[in-house]
N, C-alpha and C. Protein backbone atom coordinates (compact mmCIF):
# COMPACT_ATOMS: atom_id res chain seq x y z
N MET A 1 -13.50 -3.27 -13.69
CA MET A 1 -12.57 -2.39 -12.93
C MET A 1 -13.21 -2.34 -11.59
N GLN A 2 -14.40 -3.20 -11.36
CA GLN A 2 -14.76 -3.05 -10.24
C GLN A 2 -13.76 -3.89 -8.93
N ILE A 3 -12.97 -4.78 -9.30
CA ILE A 3 -12.20 -5.17 -8.07
C ILE A 3 -10.94 -3.92 -7.87
N MET A 4 -10.62 -2.95 -8.52
CA MET A 4 -9.85 -2.02 -8.03
C MET A 4 -10.10 -1.20 -6.87
N LEU A 5 -11.49 -0.96 -6.54
CA LEU A 5 -11.67 -0.14 -5.07
C LEU A 5 -11.38 -1.34 -3.97
N PRO A 6 -11.70 -2.22 -3.90
CA PRO A 6 -11.48 -3.17 -2.55
C PRO A 6 -9.72 -3.43 -2.58
N ILE A 7 -9.26 -3.61 -3.77
CA ILE A 7 -7.61 -3.73 -3.87
C ILE A 7 -6.98 -2.36 -3.12
N GLY A 8 -7.42 -1.01 -3.81
CA GLY A 8 -7.23 0.00 -3.24
C GLY A 8 -7.23 0.19 -1.78
N LEU A 9 -8.63 -0.18 -1.43
CA LEU A 9 -8.91 0.14 0.03
C LEU A 9 -8.00 -1.04 0.89
N VAL A 10 -7.78 -2.10 0.53
CA VAL A 10 -7.02 -2.99 1.60
C VAL A 10 -5.51 -2.57 1.55
N ALA A 11 -5.01 -2.00 0.14
CA ALA A 11 -3.68 -1.64 0.36
C ALA A 11 -3.47 -0.29 1.27
N ILE A 12 -4.45 0.69 1.10
CA ILE A 12 -4.47 1.89 2.01
C ILE A 12 -4.39 1.41 3.59
N ALA A 13 -5.50 0.30 3.80
CA ALA A 13 -5.39 -0.05 5.22
C ALA A 13 -4.38 -0.66 5.80
N TRP A 14 -3.63 -1.47 4.97
CA TRP A 14 -2.38 -2.12 5.07
C TRP A 14 -1.32 -1.13 5.28
N ALA A 15 -0.99 -0.03 4.78
CA ALA A 15 -0.30 0.70 4.88
C ALA A 15 -0.64 1.46 6.36
N GLY A 16 -1.71 1.96 6.27
CA GLY A 16 -2.17 2.73 7.61
C GLY A 16 -1.93 1.67 8.97
N TYR A 17 -2.29 0.55 9.00
CA TYR A 17 -1.89 -0.54 10.12
C TYR A 17 -0.38 -0.20 10.39
N SER A 18 0.33 -0.14 9.51
CA SER A 18 1.71 -0.59 9.60
C SER A 18 2.35 0.95 10.06
N VAL A 19 1.75 1.78 9.94
CA VAL A 19 2.25 3.38 10.51
C VAL A 19 1.62 3.47 11.91
N ILE A 20 0.46 2.67 12.16
CA ILE A 20 -0.11 2.61 13.53
C ILE A 20 0.69 1.99 14.35
N THR A 21 0.79 0.71 13.99
CA THR A 21 1.76 -0.03 14.82
C THR A 21 3.18 -0.09 15.02
N GLY A 22 3.65 0.67 13.86
CA GLY A 22 5.20 0.94 13.88
C GLY A 22 5.92 -0.20 13.34
N LYS A 23 5.20 -1.25 12.75
CA LYS A 23 5.96 -2.47 12.16
C LYS A 23 5.33 -2.65 10.72
N GLY A 24 6.38 -3.12 10.16
CA GLY A 24 5.93 -3.29 8.65
C GLY A 24 6.37 -4.71 8.27
N TYR A 25 5.20 -5.31 7.82
CA TYR A 25 5.23 -6.61 7.53
C TYR A 25 5.19 -6.97 6.08
N TYR A 26 6.31 -7.15 5.17
CA TYR A 26 6.49 -7.18 4.03
C TYR A 26 7.08 -8.53 3.70
N LYS A 27 6.81 -8.87 2.60
CA LYS A 27 7.44 -10.18 2.05
C LYS A 27 9.07 -10.28 2.10
N GLY A 28 9.67 -11.16 2.68
CA GLY A 28 11.07 -11.32 3.03
C GLY A 28 11.41 -10.39 4.15
N CYS A 29 10.42 -10.08 4.90
CA CYS A 29 10.75 -9.16 6.13
C CYS A 29 11.42 -10.37 7.18
N PRO A 30 12.10 -9.69 8.19
CA PRO A 30 12.53 -10.77 9.33
C PRO A 30 11.42 -10.90 10.11
N PRO A 31 11.46 -11.93 11.05
CA PRO A 31 10.34 -12.55 12.04
C PRO A 31 10.25 -11.20 12.93
N GLY A 32 8.72 -10.73 12.95
CA GLY A 32 8.28 -9.62 13.90
C GLY A 32 8.31 -8.39 12.86
N GLY A 33 8.74 -8.32 11.63
CA GLY A 33 8.65 -7.37 10.65
C GLY A 33 9.74 -6.16 11.08
N TYR A 34 9.54 -5.28 10.01
CA TYR A 34 10.69 -4.38 10.17
C TYR A 34 9.86 -3.20 10.98
N ASP A 35 10.90 -2.63 12.03
CA ASP A 35 10.47 -1.66 13.17
C ASP A 35 10.68 -0.31 12.40
N ARG A 36 9.99 0.50 12.96
CA ARG A 36 9.90 1.81 12.38
C ARG A 36 11.36 2.47 12.89
N GLU A 37 11.55 2.17 14.01
CA GLU A 37 12.66 3.05 14.80
C GLU A 37 13.98 2.46 14.58
N SER A 38 14.02 1.02 14.41
CA SER A 38 15.46 0.50 14.18
C SER A 38 15.97 0.38 12.77
N ASP A 39 15.00 0.26 11.82
CA ASP A 39 15.21 -0.07 10.26
C ASP A 39 14.07 1.14 9.51
N PRO A 40 14.39 2.33 9.64
CA PRO A 40 13.40 3.49 9.00
C PRO A 40 13.16 3.18 7.58
N PHE A 41 14.51 2.97 6.91
CA PHE A 41 14.32 2.79 5.45
C PHE A 41 13.61 1.67 5.13
N SER A 42 13.83 0.22 5.56
CA SER A 42 13.10 -0.70 5.13
C SER A 42 11.63 -0.83 5.62
N PHE A 43 11.19 0.28 6.39
CA PHE A 43 9.93 0.59 6.86
C PHE A 43 9.29 1.48 5.94
N TRP A 44 9.66 2.44 5.79
CA TRP A 44 9.07 3.63 5.02
C TRP A 44 8.99 3.64 3.69
N ILE A 45 9.73 3.08 3.03
CA ILE A 45 9.80 2.98 1.56
C ILE A 45 8.64 2.07 1.10
N PRO A 46 8.70 0.49 1.53
CA PRO A 46 7.60 -0.03 1.18
C PRO A 46 6.08 0.47 1.71
N THR A 47 6.14 0.92 2.92
CA THR A 47 4.71 1.50 3.27
C THR A 47 4.27 2.57 2.37
N ILE A 48 5.19 3.57 2.15
CA ILE A 48 4.57 4.59 1.07
C ILE A 48 4.63 4.16 -0.50
N ILE A 49 5.26 3.22 -0.73
CA ILE A 49 4.80 2.52 -2.05
C ILE A 49 3.34 1.99 -1.99
N ILE A 50 3.29 1.04 -0.87
CA ILE A 50 2.07 0.42 -0.74
C ILE A 50 0.85 1.56 -0.74
N PHE A 51 0.97 2.62 -0.02
CA PHE A 51 -0.26 3.59 0.11
C PHE A 51 -0.18 4.13 -1.17
N ALA A 52 0.73 4.65 -2.05
CA ALA A 52 0.66 5.18 -3.48
C ALA A 52 -0.09 4.11 -4.13
N MET A 53 0.12 2.66 -4.30
CA MET A 53 -0.42 1.82 -5.21
C MET A 53 -1.95 1.85 -4.83
N GLY A 54 -2.13 2.14 -3.56
CA GLY A 54 -3.64 1.71 -3.20
C GLY A 54 -4.50 2.96 -3.47
N ALA A 55 -3.81 4.26 -3.32
CA ALA A 55 -4.41 5.43 -3.82
C ALA A 55 -4.62 5.69 -5.28
N PHE A 56 -3.64 5.33 -6.06
CA PHE A 56 -3.91 4.97 -7.58
C PHE A 56 -5.04 4.04 -8.00
N ALA A 57 -5.17 2.82 -7.26
CA ALA A 57 -6.20 1.98 -7.60
C ALA A 57 -7.45 2.67 -7.04
N VAL A 58 -7.77 3.40 -5.98
CA VAL A 58 -8.97 4.05 -5.67
C VAL A 58 -9.17 5.16 -6.71
N LEU A 59 -8.41 5.97 -7.06
CA LEU A 59 -8.52 6.98 -8.05
C LEU A 59 -8.72 6.50 -9.44
N VAL A 60 -8.22 5.35 -9.86
CA VAL A 60 -8.54 4.67 -11.19
C VAL A 60 -9.97 3.91 -11.13
N SER A 61 -10.44 3.41 -9.89
CA SER A 61 -11.74 2.92 -9.48
C SER A 61 -12.99 4.02 -9.61
N PHE A 62 -12.56 5.19 -9.16
CA PHE A 62 -13.69 6.50 -9.32
C PHE A 62 -13.74 6.85 -10.85
N GLY A 63 -12.62 6.70 -11.68
CA GLY A 63 -12.73 7.48 -12.95
C GLY A 63 -11.91 8.61 -13.09
N LEU A 64 -11.08 8.82 -11.93
CA LEU A 64 -10.38 10.26 -11.90
C LEU A 64 -9.17 10.02 -12.80
N ILE A 65 -8.54 8.81 -12.86
CA ILE A 65 -7.26 8.39 -13.74
C ILE A 65 -7.81 7.53 -14.95
N PRO A 66 -7.96 8.18 -16.03
CA PRO A 66 -8.56 7.17 -16.86
C PRO A 66 -7.50 6.23 -17.36
N LEU A 67 -7.73 4.99 -17.66
CA LEU A 67 -6.88 3.96 -18.23
C LEU A 67 -7.03 3.83 -19.72
N HIS A 68 -6.32 3.50 -20.64
CA HIS A 68 -6.51 3.13 -21.91
C HIS A 68 -7.19 1.98 -21.99
N PRO A 69 -8.46 2.00 -23.07
CA PRO A 69 -9.20 0.72 -23.30
C PRO A 69 -8.41 -0.29 -23.97
N ARG A 70 -8.96 -1.55 -23.44
CA ARG A 70 -8.17 -2.67 -24.17
C ARG A 70 -8.65 -2.72 -25.64
N GLN A 71 -7.77 -3.31 -26.58
CA GLN A 71 -8.38 -3.56 -27.85
C GLN A 71 -8.37 -4.87 -28.10
């Protein structure tokens, strides 16, 4: 579980950087990234998903969301 905190923080930072710059750089995006103004659906959906995954990883790393133990 030690790797979950850095992964979560990087994902949150990536989503935050996208919101601040207004450009979303995701796999398969056009050169220059998705623009928040010209293509809002392709910008906001991946940004929200990346933020949610990062928040989930941080909460798991702090033990606030327990995962089932491996057998």
